[in-house]
Amino acid sequence: PPPPPTVRRPRLTKKSGSRSISESVPDSSTPTSLQSVRLLARYLSQPADSAAVLAQLDALLTGPQTGNPSTLQLIAAIIYLHEDNAKDALRCVHLGVTMEHLALTTQIYLKINRPELASKTTRTMQQADEDATLTQLAVAWTHLAAGGAKLQEAAYIFDEVRRGRGAGPCFLVPQINLPTKIPCSLKTAYRQI
């Protein structure tokens, strides 16, 4: 029998996701959110299977959903972004109301060079919870995209998040095209993250 989820989770964090995937056999009772996490792990660990993963993802998105559909929407958007398919990624998350949906929507808008829509999304996030880490990061990402005087504000935000949360996590670096001229203070803040 496959190991319980409490055993599979640490294996995924240790980057041995393919072992965890091979041990877990999906069935009709498996929640959609777990199936989508399994697809993301498979997509990232087995790039040759990307076409099969995308087909299964489309089937999950159009089929009956069991469990939390927001997890499926987020993971589908992440996979579509890895495929450089911003249109489908946005389709998955643009109506979402969680902070994660809004943060990912902000990244997508910035990726497709729509900073005005990204700013509108970050204002929605600020209205919901101005102090949330995701809100602060999304605001910093929009400042990076705006450039100019906003770059210094982005550096301050990144520094504040780094001090509050500790240095290190990769999620602090957005998936957008950065301006070519970045002030030294911002480069320093990025290196410390």
C-alpha atoms as a PDB file:
ATOM      1  CA  PRO A   1       0.000   0.000   0.000  1.00  0.00           C
ATOM      2  CA  PRO A   2       1.175   3.581  -0.634  1.00  0.00           C
ATOM      3  CA  PRO A   3       2.536   5.551   2.314  1.00  0.00           C
ATOM      4  CA  PRO A   4       0.184   8.022   4.009  1.00  0.00           C
ATOM      5  CA  PRO A   5       0.286  11.720   2.987  1.00  0.00           C
ATOM      6  CA  THR A   6       2.305  12.571   6.092  1.00  0.00           C
ATOM      7  CA  VAL A   7       5.143  10.430   4.700  1.00  0.00           C
ATOM      8  CA  ARG A   8       4.791  11.637   1.109  1.00  0.00           C
ATOM      9  CA  ARG A   9       4.972  15.338   2.018  1.00  0.00           C
ATOM     10  CA  PRO A  10       8.537  15.224   3.452  1.00  0.00           C
ATOM     11  CA  ARG A  11       9.692  13.265   0.423  1.00  0.00           C
ATOM     12  CA  LEU A  12       8.398  16.009  -1.866  1.00  0.00           C
ATOM     13  CA  THR A  13      10.229  18.654   0.156  1.00  0.00           C
ATOM     14  CA  LYS A  14      13.429  16.592  -0.070  1.00  0.00           C
ATOM     15  CA  LYS A  15      13.069  16.673  -3.874  1.00  0.00           C
ATOM     16  CA  SER A  16      12.409  12.962  -4.118  1.00  0.00           C
ATOM     17  CA  GLY A  17       8.977  13.622  -5.569  1.00  0.00           C
ATOM     18  CA  SER A  18       9.230  10.985  -8.292  1.00  0.00           C
ATOM     19  CA  ARG A  19       9.507   8.271  -5.630  1.00  0.00           C
ATOM     20  CA  SER A  20       6.486   9.650  -3.815  1.00  0.00           C
ATOM     21  CA  ILE A  21       4.536   9.878  -7.064  1.00  0.00           C
ATOM     22  CA  SER A  22       5.302   6.337  -8.076  1.00  0.00           C
ATOM     23  CA  GLU A  23       4.129   5.085  -4.684  1.00  0.00           C
ATOM     24  CA  SER A  24       0.799   6.883  -4.754  1.00  0.00           C
ATOM     25  CA  VAL A  25      -1.761   5.466  -7.113  1.00  0.00           C
ATOM     26  CA  PRO A  26      -4.628   7.834  -7.921  1.00  0.00           C
ATOM     27  CA  ASP A  27      -8.158   6.571  -7.761  1.00  0.00           C
ATOM     28  CA  SER A  28     -11.586   8.112  -8.121  1.00  0.00           C
ATOM     29  CA  SER A  29     -11.713   9.044  -4.425  1.00  0.00           C
ATOM     30  CA  THR A  30      -8.442  11.010  -4.459  1.00  0.00           C
ATOM     31  CA  PRO A  31      -9.209  14.715  -3.924  1.00  0.00           C
ATOM     32  CA  THR A  32      -8.616  16.952  -6.918  1.00  0.00           C
ATOM     33  CA  SER A  33      -6.185  19.101  -4.942  1.00  0.00           C
ATOM     34  CA  LEU A  34      -3.953  16.088  -4.247  1.00  0.00           C
ATOM     35  CA  GLN A  35      -4.178  14.979  -7.880  1.00  0.00           C
ATOM     36  CA  SER A  36      -3.100  18.458  -8.991  1.00  0.00           C
ATOM     37  CA  VAL A  37      -0.141  18.492  -6.574  1.00  0.00           C
ATOM     38  CA  ARG A  38       0.852  15.095  -7.941  1.00  0.00           C
ATOM     39  CA  LEU A  39       0.669  16.494 -11.490  1.00  0.00           C
ATOM     40  CA  LEU A  40       2.876  19.464 -10.588  1.00  0.00           C
ATOM     41  CA  ALA A  41       5.465  17.185  -8.971  1.00  0.00           C
ATOM     42  CA  ARG A  42       5.408  14.923 -12.030  1.00  0.00           C
ATOM     43  CA  TYR A  43       5.636  17.904 -14.389  1.00  0.00           C
ATOM     44  CA  LEU A  44       8.682  19.262 -12.567  1.00  0.00           C
ATOM     45  CA  SER A  45      10.443  15.927 -12.064  1.00  0.00           C
ATOM     46  CA  GLN A  46       9.713  14.366 -15.464  1.00  0.00           C
ATOM     47  CA  PRO A  47       9.876  17.067 -18.178  1.00  0.00           C
ATOM     48  CA  ALA A  48       9.503  14.459 -20.929  1.00  0.00           C
ATOM     49  CA  ASP A  49       5.952  13.745 -19.694  1.00  0.00           C
ATOM     50  CA  SER A  50       4.783  17.359 -20.001  1.00  0.00           C
ATOM     51  CA  ALA A  51       2.286  16.589 -22.783  1.00  0.00           C
ATOM     52  CA  ALA A  52       0.667  13.826 -20.729  1.00  0.00           C
ATOM     53  CA  VAL A  53       0.591  16.052 -17.637  1.00  0.00           C
ATOM     54  CA  LEU A  54      -1.070  18.857 -19.603  1.00  0.00           C
ATOM     55  CA  ALA A  55      -3.689  16.439 -20.917  1.00  0.00           C
ATOM     56  CA  GLN A  56      -4.433  15.191 -17.405  1.00  0.00           C
ATOM     57  CA  LEU A  57      -4.538  18.773 -16.139  1.00  0.00           C
ATOM     58  CA  ASP A  58      -7.087  19.724 -18.796  1.00  0.00           C
ATOM     59  CA  ALA A  59      -9.175  16.695 -17.817  1.00  0.00           C
ATOM     60  CA  LEU A  60      -9.072  17.740 -14.155  1.00  0.00           C
ATOM     61  CA  LEU A  61     -10.050  21.312 -14.997  1.00  0.00           C
ATOM     62  CA  THR A  62     -13.051  20.243 -17.062  1.00  0.00           C
ATOM     63  CA  GLY A  63     -14.125  17.236 -14.997  1.00  0.00           C
ATOM     64  CA  PRO A  64     -16.034  16.994 -11.749  1.00  0.00           C
ATOM     65  CA  GLN A  65     -13.957  18.378  -8.907  1.00  0.00           C
ATOM     66  CA  THR A  66     -13.516  16.753  -5.535  1.00  0.00           C
ATOM     67  CA  GLY A  67     -11.984  18.825  -2.779  1.00  0.00           C
ATOM     68  CA  ASN A  68     -10.548  22.310  -3.007  1.00  0.00           C
ATOM     69  CA  PRO A  69     -10.768  23.757  -6.533  1.00  0.00           C
ATOM     70  CA  SER A  70      -8.585  26.743  -5.612  1.00  0.00           C
ATOM     71  CA  THR A  71      -5.561  24.448  -5.236  1.00  0.00           C
ATOM     72  CA  LEU A  72      -6.245  23.003  -8.681  1.00  0.00           C
ATOM     73  CA  GLN A  73      -6.586  26.505 -10.145  1.00  0.00           C
ATOM     74  CA  LEU A  74      -3.298  27.664  -8.628  1.00  0.00           C
ATOM     75  CA  ILE A  75      -1.351  24.600  -9.686  1.00  0.00           C
ATOM     76  CA  ALA A  76      -2.823  24.691 -13.184  1.00  0.00           C
ATOM     77  CA  ALA A  77      -1.753  28.326 -13.487  1.00  0.00           C
ATOM     78  CA  ILE A  78       1.765  27.470 -12.295  1.00  0.00           C
ATOM     79  CA  ILE A  79       2.083  24.669 -14.848  1.00  0.00           C
ATOM     80  CA  TYR A  80       0.732  26.899 -17.631  1.00  0.00           C
ATOM     81  CA  LEU A  81       3.239  29.608 -16.679  1.00  0.00           C
ATOM     82  CA  HIS A  82       6.047  27.053 -16.943  1.00  0.00           C
ATOM     83  CA  GLU A  83       4.722  26.343 -20.433  1.00  0.00           C
ATOM     84  CA  ASP A  84       4.766  30.112 -21.236  1.00  0.00           C
ATOM     85  CA  ASN A  85       0.993  30.021 -21.609  1.00  0.00           C
ATOM     86  CA  ALA A  86       0.004  33.158 -19.699  1.00  0.00           C
ATOM     87  CA  LYS A  87      -3.471  33.246 -21.256  1.00  0.00           C
ATOM     88  CA  ASP A  88      -4.544  29.892 -19.792  1.00  0.00           C
ATOM     89  CA  ALA A  89      -2.726  30.629 -16.530  1.00  0.00           C
ATOM     90  CA  LEU A  90      -4.705  33.837 -16.156  1.00  0.00           C
ATOM     91  CA  ARG A  91      -7.914  32.039 -17.068  1.00  0.00           C
ATOM     92  CA  CYS A  92      -7.336  29.710 -14.122  1.00  0.00           C
ATOM     93  CA  VAL A  93      -6.782  32.358 -11.447  1.00  0.00           C
ATOM     94  CA  HIS A  94      -8.209  35.704 -12.532  1.00  0.00           C
ATOM     95  CA  LEU A  95     -11.510  35.189 -10.694  1.00  0.00           C
ATOM     96  CA  GLY A  96      -9.888  33.806  -7.551  1.00  0.00           C
ATOM     97  CA  VAL A  97     -10.331  35.650  -4.285  1.00  0.00           C
ATOM     98  CA  THR A  98      -7.570  34.145  -2.141  1.00  0.00           C
ATOM     99  CA  MET A  99      -4.336  36.040  -1.586  1.00  0.00           C
ATOM    100  CA  GLU A 100      -2.498  33.309  -3.490  1.00  0.00           C
ATOM    101  CA  HIS A 101      -4.778  33.763  -6.510  1.00  0.00           C
ATOM    102  CA  LEU A 102      -4.298  37.522  -6.432  1.00  0.00           C
ATOM    103  CA  ALA A 103      -0.504  37.271  -6.052  1.00  0.00           C
ATOM    104  CA  LEU A 104      -0.249  34.864  -8.973  1.00  0.00           C
ATOM    105  CA  THR A 105      -2.582  37.069 -11.020  1.00  0.00           C
ATOM    106  CA  THR A 106      -0.253  39.998 -10.291  1.00  0.00           C
ATOM    107  CA  GLN A 107       2.742  38.009 -11.540  1.00  0.00           C
ATOM    108  CA  ILE A 108       0.896  37.030 -14.704  1.00  0.00           C
ATOM    109  CA  TYR A 109      -0.131  40.627 -15.425  1.00  0.00           C
ATOM    110  CA  LEU A 110       3.469  41.736 -14.982  1.00  0.00           C
ATOM    111  CA  LYS A 111       4.696  38.926 -17.219  1.00  0.00           C
ATOM    112  CA  ILE A 112       2.377  40.048 -20.033  1.00  0.00           C
ATOM    113  CA  ASN A 113       3.374  43.705 -19.529  1.00  0.00           C
ATOM    114  CA  ARG A 114       0.102  44.915 -18.013  1.00  0.00           C
ATOM    115  CA  PRO A 115       1.400  46.828 -14.968  1.00  0.00           C
ATOM    116  CA  GLU A 116      -1.817  48.826 -14.609  1.00  0.00           C
ATOM    117  CA  LEU A 117      -3.798  45.618 -14.073  1.00  0.00           C
ATOM    118  CA  ALA A 118      -1.124  44.338 -11.691  1.00  0.00           C
ATOM    119  CA  SER A 119      -1.415  47.558  -9.668  1.00  0.00           C
ATOM    120  CA  LYS A 120      -5.181  47.208  -9.553  1.00  0.00           C
ATOM    121  CA  THR A 121      -4.809  43.646  -8.256  1.00  0.00           C
ATOM    122  CA  THR A 122      -2.309  44.718  -5.598  1.00  0.00           C
ATOM    123  CA  ARG A 123      -4.731  47.430  -4.445  1.00  0.00           C
ATOM    124  CA  THR A 124      -7.334  44.702  -3.957  1.00  0.00           C
ATOM    125  CA  MET A 125      -4.796  42.735  -1.933  1.00  0.00           C
ATOM    126  CA  GLN A 126      -3.978  45.782   0.170  1.00  0.00           C
ATOM    127  CA  GLN A 127      -7.662  46.326   0.924  1.00  0.00           C
ATOM    128  CA  ALA A 128      -7.927  42.726   2.108  1.00  0.00           C
ATOM    129  CA  ASP A 129      -4.718  42.602   4.185  1.00  0.00           C
ATOM    130  CA  GLU A 130      -2.073  45.258   3.757  1.00  0.00           C
ATOM    131  CA  ASP A 131       0.384  43.559   6.124  1.00  0.00           C
ATOM    132  CA  ALA A 132       0.301  40.114   4.522  1.00  0.00           C
ATOM    133  CA  THR A 133       3.634  38.955   3.142  1.00  0.00           C
ATOM    134  CA  LEU A 134       2.098  38.126  -0.233  1.00  0.00           C
ATOM    135  CA  THR A 135       0.630  41.626  -0.443  1.00  0.00           C
ATOM    136  CA  GLN A 136       3.978  43.207   0.332  1.00  0.00           C
ATOM    137  CA  LEU A 137       5.734  41.041  -2.239  1.00  0.00           C
ATOM    138  CA  ALA A 138       3.128  41.781  -4.912  1.00  0.00           C
ATOM    139  CA  VAL A 139       3.483  45.512  -4.283  1.00  0.00           C
ATOM    140  CA  ALA A 140       7.280  45.189  -4.544  1.00  0.00           C
ATOM    141  CA  TRP A 141       6.927  43.263  -7.822  1.00  0.00           C
ATOM    142  CA  THR A 142       4.745  46.015  -9.290  1.00  0.00           C
ATOM    143  CA  HIS A 143       7.266  48.627  -8.139  1.00  0.00           C
ATOM    144  CA  LEU A 144      10.050  46.675  -9.876  1.00  0.00           C
ATOM    145  CA  ALA A 145       8.048  46.615 -13.085  1.00  0.00           C
ATOM    146  CA  ALA A 146       7.320  50.355 -12.837  1.00  0.00           C
ATOM    147  CA  GLY A 147      11.004  51.199 -12.469  1.00  0.00           C
ATOM    148  CA  GLY A 148      12.286  54.692 -11.768  1.00  0.00           C
ATOM    149  CA  ALA A 149      11.682  55.984  -8.244  1.00  0.00           C
ATOM    150  CA  LYS A 150       9.614  52.898  -7.444  1.00  0.00           C
ATOM    151  CA  LEU A 151      12.755  50.738  -7.496  1.00  0.00           C
ATOM    152  CA  GLN A 152      13.907  52.178  -4.188  1.00  0.00           C
ATOM    153  CA  GLU A 153      10.486  51.487  -2.648  1.00  0.00           C
ATOM    154  CA  ALA A 154      10.732  47.896  -3.897  1.00  0.00           C
ATOM    155  CA  ALA A 155      14.157  47.578  -2.251  1.00  0.00           C
ATOM    156  CA  TYR A 156      12.717  48.791   1.056  1.00  0.00           C
ATOM    157  CA  ILE A 157       9.838  46.328   0.852  1.00  0.00           C
ATOM    158  CA  PHE A 158      12.129  43.394   0.054  1.00  0.00           C
ATOM    159  CA  ASP A 159      14.415  44.401   2.910  1.00  0.00           C
ATOM    160  CA  GLU A 160      11.456  44.639   5.289  1.00  0.00           C
ATOM    161  CA  VAL A 161      10.165  41.216   4.234  1.00  0.00           C
ATOM    162  CA  ARG A 162      13.655  39.746   4.563  1.00  0.00           C
ATOM    163  CA  ARG A 163      14.004  41.119   8.088  1.00  0.00           C
ATOM    164  CA  GLY A 164      10.544  39.972   9.095  1.00  0.00           C
ATOM    165  CA  ARG A 165      10.606  36.508   7.560  1.00  0.00           C
ATOM    166  CA  GLY A 166      14.302  35.703   7.326  1.00  0.00           C
ATOM    167  CA  ALA A 167      16.450  35.432   4.229  1.00  0.00           C
ATOM    168  CA  GLY A 168      16.339  32.703   1.647  1.00  0.00           C
ATOM    169  CA  PRO A 169      13.072  31.595   0.070  1.00  0.00           C
ATOM    170  CA  CYS A 170      13.056  31.576  -3.700  1.00  0.00           C
ATOM    171  CA  PHE A 171       9.478  32.851  -3.853  1.00  0.00           C
ATOM    172  CA  LEU A 172      10.696  36.378  -3.083  1.00  0.00           C
ATOM    173  CA  VAL A 173      12.122  36.704  -6.569  1.00  0.00           C
ATOM    174  CA  PRO A 174       9.294  37.394  -9.027  1.00  0.00           C
ATOM    175  CA  GLN A 175       8.995  35.747 -12.422  1.00  0.00           C
ATOM    176  CA  ILE A 176       9.034  39.015 -14.360  1.00  0.00           C
ATOM    177  CA  ASN A 177      11.483  40.789 -16.603  1.00  0.00           C
ATOM    178  CA  LEU A 178      13.464  43.188 -14.431  1.00  0.00           C
ATOM    179  CA  PRO A 179      14.546  46.604 -15.700  1.00  0.00           C
ATOM    180  CA  THR A 180      18.085  46.629 -17.070  1.00  0.00           C
ATOM    181  CA  LYS A 181      19.253  49.468 -14.793  1.00  0.00           C
ATOM    182  CA  ILE A 182      18.763  48.445 -11.191  1.00  0.00           C
ATOM    183  CA  PRO A 183      20.133  50.628  -8.372  1.00  0.00           C
ATOM    184  CA  CYS A 184      22.841  49.139  -6.158  1.00  0.00           C
ATOM    185  CA  SER A 185      20.561  49.156  -3.106  1.00  0.00           C
ATOM    186  CA  LEU A 186      18.048  46.933  -4.898  1.00  0.00           C
ATOM    187  CA  LYS A 187      20.752  44.543  -6.082  1.00  0.00           C
ATOM    188  CA  THR A 188      21.972  44.297  -2.486  1.00  0.00           C
ATOM    189  CA  ALA A 189      18.459  43.594  -1.217  1.00  0.00           C
ATOM    190  CA  TYR A 190      18.015  40.862  -3.850  1.00  0.00           C
ATOM    191  CA  ARG A 191      21.315  39.189  -2.939  1.00  0.00           C
ATOM    192  CA  GLN A 192      20.335  39.086   0.712  1.00  0.00           C
ATOM    193  CA  ILE A 193      16.999  37.418   0.013  1.00  0.00           C
END
